[in-house]
C-alpha atoms as a PDB file:
ATOM      1  CA  MET A   1      96.289  71.864 180.138  1.00  0.00           C
ATOM      2  CA  GLN A   2      95.051  74.756 181.972  1.00  0.00           C
ATOM      3  CA  PRO A   3      92.030  77.578 181.444  1.00  0.00           C
ATOM      4  CA  GLN A   4      95.115  80.172 181.749  1.00  0.00           C
ATOM      5  CA  THR A   5      97.297  78.138 179.558  1.00  0.00           C
ATOM      6  CA  ALA A   6      94.941  77.751 176.750  1.00  0.00           C
ATOM      7  CA  THR A   7      93.441  81.482 177.023  1.00  0.00           C
ATOM      8  CA  LEU A   8      97.038  82.792 176.626  1.00  0.00           C
ATOM      9  CA  ILE A   9      97.793  80.582 173.484  1.00  0.00           C
ATOM     10  CA  ALA A  10      94.144  81.239 171.765  1.00  0.00           C
ATOM     11  CA  ALA A  11      95.103  85.256 172.297  1.00  0.00           C
ATOM     12  CA  VAL A  12      98.755  84.322 171.026  1.00  0.00           C
ATOM     13  CA  ILE A  13      96.799  82.653 168.074  1.00  0.00           C
ATOM     14  CA  ALA A  14      94.579  85.693 167.616  1.00  0.00           C
ATOM     15  CA  ALA A  15      97.119  88.182 168.074  1.00  0.00           C
ATOM     16  CA  PHE A  16      99.061  86.309 164.685  1.00  0.00           C
ATOM     17  CA  ALA A  17      96.213  85.929 162.633  1.00  0.00           C
ATOM     18  CA  SER A  18      95.288  90.061 162.990  1.00  0.00           C
ATOM     19  CA  PHE A  19      99.092  90.585 162.554  1.00  0.00           C
ATOM     20  CA  ILE A  20      98.923  88.562 159.118  1.00  0.00           C
ATOM     21  CA  VAL A  21      95.885  90.030 158.067  1.00  0.00           C
ATOM     22  CA  LEU A  22      97.453  93.571 158.822  1.00  0.00           C
ATOM     23  CA  LEU A  23     100.235  92.710 156.582  1.00  0.00           C
ATOM     24  CA  LEU A  24      97.956  91.397 154.305  1.00  0.00           C
ATOM     25  CA  ASN A  25      96.530  94.059 153.690  1.00  0.00           C
ATOM     26  CA  LEU A  26      98.681  96.629 153.990  1.00  0.00           C
ATOM     27  CA  ARG A  27     100.261  94.832 150.754  1.00  0.00           C
ATOM     28  CA  ALA A  28      96.966  94.574 148.791  1.00  0.00           C
ATOM     29  CA  GLY A  29      96.153  98.558 149.428  1.00  0.00           C
ATOM     30  CA  ARG A  30     100.168  99.166 148.150  1.00  0.00           C
ATOM     31  CA  LEU A  31      99.365  97.089 144.912  1.00  0.00           C
ATOM     32  CA  GLY A  32      96.431  98.913 144.177  1.00  0.00           C
ATOM     33  CA  GLU A  33      98.081 102.149 144.633  1.00  0.00           C
ATOM     34  CA  LEU A  34     100.648 100.872 142.553  1.00  0.00           C
ATOM     35  CA  ARG A  35      98.307  99.583 139.730  1.00  0.00           C
ATOM     36  CA  ALA A  36      96.803 103.302 139.735  1.00  0.00           C
ATOM     37  CA  ALA A  37      99.682 104.929 139.481  1.00  0.00           C
ATOM     38  CA  HIS A  38     100.410 102.344 136.701  1.00  0.00           C
ATOM     39  CA  ARG A  39      96.963 102.811 135.260  1.00  0.00           C
ATOM     40  CA  LYS A  40      97.604 106.553 135.380  1.00  0.00           C
ATOM     41  CA  THR A  41     100.969 106.475 133.584  1.00  0.00           C
ATOM     42  CA  LEU A  42      99.267 104.379 130.453  1.00  0.00           C
ATOM     43  CA  GLU A  43      96.019 106.315 130.942  1.00  0.00           C
ATOM     44  CA  ALA A  44      98.039 110.145 129.250  1.00  0.00           C
ATOM     45  CA  ASN A  45      99.379 108.080 126.041  1.00  0.00           C
ATOM     46  CA  ILE A  46      97.068 105.157 125.409  1.00  0.00           C
ATOM     47  CA  THR A  47      94.760 107.638 123.484  1.00  0.00           C
ATOM     48  CA  SER A  48      97.653 108.175 121.058  1.00  0.00           C
ATOM     49  CA  LEU A  49      99.090 105.323 120.992  1.00  0.00           C
ATOM     50  CA  GLY A  50      96.051 103.453 119.743  1.00  0.00           C
ATOM     51  CA  GLU A  51      95.484 106.304 117.090  1.00  0.00           C
ATOM     52  CA  ALA A  52      99.624 105.054 115.671  1.00  0.00           C
ATOM     53  CA  ILE A  53      98.731 101.801 115.945  1.00  0.00           C
ATOM     54  CA  HIS A  54      95.420 102.198 113.665  1.00  0.00           C
ATOM     55  CA  GLU A  55      96.735 104.934 111.321  1.00  0.00           C
ATOM     56  CA  THR A  56      99.963 102.834 110.899  1.00  0.00           C
ATOM     57  CA  VAL A  57      97.846  99.632 109.589  1.00  0.00           C
ATOM     58  CA  ALA A  58      95.059 101.723 107.839  1.00  0.00           C
ATOM     59  CA  THR A  59      97.966 103.593 105.874  1.00  0.00           C
ATOM     60  CA  SER A  60      99.800 100.323 105.116  1.00  0.00           C
ATOM     61  CA  HIS A  61      96.520  98.838 104.006  1.00  0.00           C
ATOM     62  CA  ILE A  62      95.626 101.626 101.919  1.00  0.00           C
ATOM     63  CA  LEU A  63      98.837 101.771 100.084  1.00  0.00           C
ATOM     64  CA  LEU A  64      99.142  98.494  99.657  1.00  0.00           C
ATOM     65  CA  MET A  65      95.336  98.808  97.516  1.00  0.00           C
ATOM     66  CA  ALA A  66      96.736 102.791  95.918  1.00  0.00           C
ATOM     67  CA  ARG A  67      96.727 102.769  92.209  1.00  0.00           C
ATOM     68  CA  THR A  68      97.742 106.368  91.762  1.00  0.00           C
ATOM     69  CA  GLU A  69     100.792 108.396  92.907  1.00  0.00           C
ATOM     70  CA  VAL A  70      98.959 110.891  94.310  1.00  0.00           C
ATOM     71  CA  SER A  71      96.551 108.847  96.492  1.00  0.00           C
ATOM     72  CA  VAL A  72     100.313 106.902  97.719  1.00  0.00           C
ATOM     73  CA  GLU A  73     101.657 110.669  98.750  1.00  0.00           C
ATOM     74  CA  SER A  74      98.520 111.525 100.489  1.00  0.00           C
ATOM     75  CA  TRP A  75      98.434 108.125 102.751  1.00  0.00           C
ATOM     76  CA  ARG A  76     102.200 108.342 102.528  1.00  0.00           C
ATOM     77  CA  GLU A  77     102.049 111.968 104.613  1.00  0.00           C
ATOM     78  CA  ARG A  78      99.868 109.842 107.288  1.00  0.00           C
ATOM     79  CA  SER A  79     102.157 107.108 107.880  1.00  0.00           C
ATOM     80  CA  GLN A  80     105.019 109.138 108.580  1.00  0.00           C
ATOM     81  CA  LYS A  81     102.964 111.388 111.286  1.00  0.00           C
ATOM     82  CA  ALA A  82     102.451 107.923 112.898  1.00  0.00           C
ATOM     83  CA  LYS A  83     105.941 107.010 112.709  1.00  0.00           C
ATOM     84  CA  THR A  84     105.974 110.645 114.375  1.00  0.00           C
ATOM     85  CA  LYS A  85     104.032 109.783 117.211  1.00  0.00           C
ATOM     86  CA  PHE A  86     105.394 106.328 118.076  1.00  0.00           C
ATOM     87  CA  GLN A  87     108.794 108.041 118.526  1.00  0.00           C
ATOM     88  CA  GLU A  88     107.631 110.526 120.813  1.00  0.00           C
ATOM     89  CA  LEU A  89     105.909 107.439 122.728  1.00  0.00           C
ATOM     90  CA  GLY A  90     108.513 105.437 123.176  1.00  0.00           C
ATOM     91  CA  PRO A  91     110.517 106.959 125.782  1.00  0.00           C
ATOM     92  CA  LYS A  92     107.483 107.763 127.543  1.00  0.00           C
ATOM     93  CA  LEU A  93     105.984 103.926 127.742  1.00  0.00           C
ATOM     94  CA  ARG A  94     109.417 102.262 127.767  1.00  0.00           C
ATOM     95  CA  TYR A  95     109.127 101.312 131.742  1.00  0.00           C
ATOM     96  CA  PRO A  96     105.130 101.140 131.515  1.00  0.00           C
ATOM     97  CA  LEU A  97     105.077  98.828 128.810  1.00  0.00           C
ATOM     98  CA  TRP A  98     108.543  97.028 129.365  1.00  0.00           C
ATOM     99  CA  GLY A  99     109.512  94.836 127.114  1.00  0.00           C
ATOM    100  CA  THR A 100     107.580  95.464 123.508  1.00  0.00           C
ATOM    101  CA  THR A 101     108.548  99.402 122.851  1.00  0.00           C
ATOM    102  CA  ASP A 102     110.885  97.644 120.312  1.00  0.00           C
ATOM    103  CA  ALA A 103     107.597  95.965 118.898  1.00  0.00           C
ATOM    104  CA  LEU A 104     106.077  99.189 118.556  1.00  0.00           C
ATOM    105  CA  ARG A 105     109.170 100.852 116.758  1.00  0.00           C
ATOM    106  CA  THR A 106     109.353  97.781 114.360  1.00  0.00           C
ATOM    107  CA  LEU A 107     105.495  98.079 113.703  1.00  0.00           C
ATOM    108  CA  SER A 108     105.929 101.664 112.692  1.00  0.00           C
ATOM    109  CA  ARG A 109     108.030 100.536 109.480  1.00  0.00           C
ATOM    110  CA  LEU A 110     105.053  98.673 108.660  1.00  0.00           C
ATOM    111  CA  PRO A 111     104.238 101.180 106.110  1.00  0.00           C
ATOM    112  CA  ASP A 112     107.689 101.763 104.780  1.00  0.00           C
ATOM    113  CA  TRP A 113     107.905  98.162 104.101  1.00  0.00           C
ATOM    114  CA  VAL A 114     104.652  98.082 101.961  1.00  0.00           C
ATOM    115  CA  GLU A 115     105.401 100.436 100.056  1.00  0.00           C
ATOM    116  CA  HIS A 116     108.655  99.538  98.986  1.00  0.00           C
ATOM    117  CA  ALA A 117     107.607  95.706  98.301  1.00  0.00           C
ATOM    118  CA  ARG A 118     103.580  96.523  96.394  1.00  0.00           C
ATOM    119  CA  ALA A 119     105.095  98.292  93.051  1.00  0.00           C
ATOM    120  CA  LYS A 120     106.671  95.033  91.846  1.00  0.00           C
ATOM    121  CA  PHE A 121     105.556  92.837  94.396  1.00  0.00           C
ATOM    122  CA  PRO A 122     102.390  92.623  95.342  1.00  0.00           C
ATOM    123  CA  LYS A 123     101.835  89.208  96.742  1.00  0.00           C
ATOM    124  CA  GLN A 124     104.998  89.578  99.022  1.00  0.00           C
ATOM    125  CA  ALA A 125     103.259  92.939 100.052  1.00  0.00           C
ATOM    126  CA  ARG A 126     100.016  91.596 101.240  1.00  0.00           C
ATOM    127  CA  ILE A 127     102.748  89.208 103.692  1.00  0.00           C
ATOM    128  CA  ILE A 128     104.336  92.083 105.159  1.00  0.00           C
ATOM    129  CA  CYS A 129     101.184  93.529 105.855  1.00  0.00           C
ATOM    130  CA  ASP A 130      99.269  90.468 107.282  1.00  0.00           C
ATOM    131  CA  ALA A 131     102.061  90.329 109.367  1.00  0.00           C
ATOM    132  CA  GLY A 132     102.257  93.793 110.488  1.00  0.00           C
ATOM    133  CA  ARG A 133      98.164  93.701 111.196  1.00  0.00           C
ATOM    134  CA  ASP A 134      98.946  89.974 113.388  1.00  0.00           C
ATOM    135  CA  LEU A 135     101.710  92.235 115.519  1.00  0.00           C
ATOM    136  CA  SER A 136      99.115  95.050 115.438  1.00  0.00           C
ATOM    137  CA  ALA A 137      96.858  93.131 117.433  1.00  0.00           C
ATOM    138  CA  THR A 138      98.784  91.109 119.570  1.00  0.00           C
ATOM    139  CA  LEU A 139     100.409  94.671 120.863  1.00  0.00           C
ATOM    140  CA  ASP A 140      96.283  96.069 120.772  1.00  0.00           C
ATOM    141  CA  ARG A 141      95.617  92.815 123.386  1.00  0.00           C
ATOM    142  CA  THR A 142      98.984  93.354 125.509  1.00  0.00           C
ATOM    143  CA  ILE A 143      98.653  97.215 126.200  1.00  0.00           C
ATOM    144  CA  LYS A 144      94.666  96.446 126.915  1.00  0.00           C
ATOM    145  CA  ASP A 145      95.270  94.097 129.609  1.00  0.00           C
ATOM    146  CA  CYS A 146      98.390  96.529 131.267  1.00  0.00           C
ATOM    147  CA  TYR A 147      96.220  99.092 131.330  1.00  0.00           C
ATOM    148  CA  SER A 148      93.077  97.369 132.706  1.00  0.00           C
ATOM    149  CA  GLU A 149      95.006  95.496 135.480  1.00  0.00           C
ATOM    150  CA  GLY A 150      97.478  98.234 136.005  1.00  0.00           C
ATOM    151  CA  ARG A 151     100.617  96.010 135.103  1.00  0.00           C
ATOM    152  CA  VAL A 152     103.527  96.100 132.647  1.00  0.00           C
ATOM    153  CA  PRO A 153     103.717  93.008 130.336  1.00  0.00           C
ATOM    154  CA  THR A 154     104.085  89.215 131.785  1.00  0.00           C
ATOM    155  CA  LEU A 155     107.185  87.383 130.356  1.00  0.00           C
ATOM    156  CA  PHE A 156     104.622  85.213 128.553  1.00  0.00           C
ATOM    157  CA  GLU A 157     103.015  88.687 126.617  1.00  0.00           C
ATOM    158  CA  ARG A 158     106.567  90.029 125.877  1.00  0.00           C
ATOM    159  CA  ALA A 159     107.087  86.415 124.278  1.00  0.00           C
ATOM    160  CA  ILE A 160     103.922  86.409 121.781  1.00  0.00           C
ATOM    161  CA  VAL A 161     104.892  89.995 120.770  1.00  0.00           C
ATOM    162  CA  GLY A 162     108.171  88.978 120.457  1.00  0.00           C
ATOM    163  CA  TYR A 163     107.052  85.634 118.347  1.00  0.00           C
ATOM    164  CA  ARG A 164     104.981  88.793 116.355  1.00  0.00           C
ATOM    165  CA  VAL A 165     107.748  90.735 115.848  1.00  0.00           C
ATOM    166  CA  TRP A 166     109.936  87.595 114.551  1.00  0.00           C
ATOM    167  CA  ARG A 167     107.312  86.953 112.267  1.00  0.00           C
ATOM    168  CA  PHE A 168     107.196  90.566 110.738  1.00  0.00           C
ATOM    169  CA  LYS A 169     110.497  90.871 110.146  1.00  0.00           C
ATOM    170  CA  ARG A 170     110.832  87.327 108.708  1.00  0.00           C
ATOM    171  CA  ALA A 171     108.452  88.933 105.555  1.00  0.00           C
ATOM    172  CA  TYR A 172     110.011  91.435 104.747  1.00  0.00           C
ATOM    173  CA  HIS A 173     113.553  89.488 104.596  1.00  0.00           C
ATOM    174  CA  GLN A 174     112.292  87.066 102.287  1.00  0.00           C
ATOM    175  CA  PHE A 175     111.216  89.978  99.951  1.00  0.00           C
ATOM    176  CA  GLN A 176     114.633  91.589 100.463  1.00  0.00           C
ATOM    177  CA  THR A 177     116.660  88.315  99.281  1.00  0.00           C
ATOM    178  CA  GLY A 178     114.192  86.585  96.974  1.00  0.00           C
ATOM    179  CA  GLY A 179     112.146  84.785  98.707  1.00  0.00           C
ATOM    180  CA  ARG A 180     109.015  85.286  96.867  1.00  0.00           C
ATOM    181  CA  ASP A 181     106.155  83.465  95.902  1.00  0.00           C
ATOM    182  CA  ASP A 182     105.589  81.962  92.293  1.00  0.00           C
ATOM    183  CA  ASP A 183     102.806  84.158  90.978  1.00  0.00           C
ATOM    184  CA  ASP A 184     105.082  87.595  91.949  1.00  0.00           C
ATOM    185  CA  ARG A 185     108.105  85.617  90.300  1.00  0.00           C
ATOM    186  CA  ASN A 186     106.198  85.020  87.081  1.00  0.00           C
ATOM    187  CA  ALA A 187     104.111  88.621  87.088  1.00  0.00           C
ATOM    188  CA  TYR A 188     108.032  90.199  86.955  1.00  0.00           C
ATOM    189  CA  PRO A 189     110.162  87.335  85.217  1.00  0.00           C
ATOM    190  CA  SER A 190     113.622  88.702  84.346  1.00  0.00           C
ATOM    191  CA  PRO A 191     114.309  90.477  81.392  1.00  0.00           C
ATOM    192  CA  GLU A 192     115.144  88.620  78.133  1.00  0.00           C
ATOM    193  CA  PRO A 193     118.661  89.066  76.989  1.00  0.00           C
ATOM    194  CA  SER A 194     119.585  92.240  74.061  1.00  0.00           C
ATOM    195  CA  ALA A 195     120.724  91.005  70.858  1.00  0.00           C
ATOM    196  CA  VAL A 196     124.097  93.242  72.114  1.00  0.00           C
ATOM    197  CA  ASP A 197     123.801  91.080  75.238  1.00  0.00           C
ATOM    198  CA  VAL A 198     123.837  88.012  73.058  1.00  0.00           C
ATOM    199  CA  ALA A 199     126.961  89.095  70.403  1.00  0.00           C
ATOM    200  CA  SER A 200     129.086  90.201  73.676  1.00  0.00           C
ATOM    201  CA  SER A 201     128.315  86.835  75.053  1.00  0.00           C
ATOM    202  CA  ALA A 202     129.631  84.960  72.139  1.00  0.00           C
ATOM    203  CA  THR A 203     132.429  87.576  71.372  1.00  0.00           C
ATOM    204  CA  ARG A 204     133.515  86.036  74.737  1.00  0.00           C
ATOM    205  CA  SER A 205     133.282  82.905  73.922  1.00  0.00           C
ATOM    206  CA  THR A 206     135.010  83.069  70.898  1.00  0.00           C
ATOM    207  CA  SER A 207     138.060  85.058  72.467  1.00  0.00           C
ATOM    208  CA  ARG A 208     138.141  81.876  75.301  1.00  0.00           C
ATOM    209  CA  GLY A 209     138.407  79.316  72.780  1.00  0.00           C
ATOM    210  CA  GLY A 210     141.016  81.129  70.102  1.00  0.00           C
ATOM    211  CA  ASP A 211     143.233  81.190  73.872  1.00  0.00           C
ATOM    212  CA  GLY A 212     142.643  77.490  74.828  1.00  0.00           C
ATOM    213  CA  SER A 213     143.643  76.338  71.054  1.00  0.00           C
ATOM    214  CA  GLY A 214     146.668  78.187  71.335  1.00  0.00           C
ATOM    215  CA  HIS A 215     147.601  76.586  74.714  1.00  0.00           C
ATOM    216  CA  GLY A 216     146.843  73.256  72.873  1.00  0.00           C
ATOM    217  CA  ARG A 217     149.721  74.159  70.555  1.00  0.00           C
END
């Protein structure tokens, strides 16, 4: 190979390498700008979002332990304020937290679901509260990572959030459909039939027996 040819090849390779480095630098700079913009979008709402998540879980736990109607009413008002925050933040975070805003809306129901179950089925209310707390922890971790890395939730993160939502909804569905534990059922057994109910049942049985004998004849 002639020296001129070798020099030309080396120059071409150097130019090509410089071009690749330039493209990589441009791409890295563009990604950095996108991450910064994404982080800035989250930064404007992340404080309010964190407060809403914390207040929702905290008020639900206190509602679970409350013993007086005055205390329940006070914390019920706080839970409604947190729910209002979720409703306001949802449209703003739909794209920055793509795939998780439905989970935030579901989490906002936690105080209502706990209050619905706590009066007569405290064990099931505790299960609902625990499932809601697990969902909030998963959302906290996902939001923190998205903010620090300036990105939307990954497919894996969305799958984990979806699983926590499913468990949360399942806990409440079990309460609604009577899938309660033995302690709750024993604490609140079905009422004994009254004397009137017994007499009415006996009358209906007698009437059916009489009809049957008549047909037999």
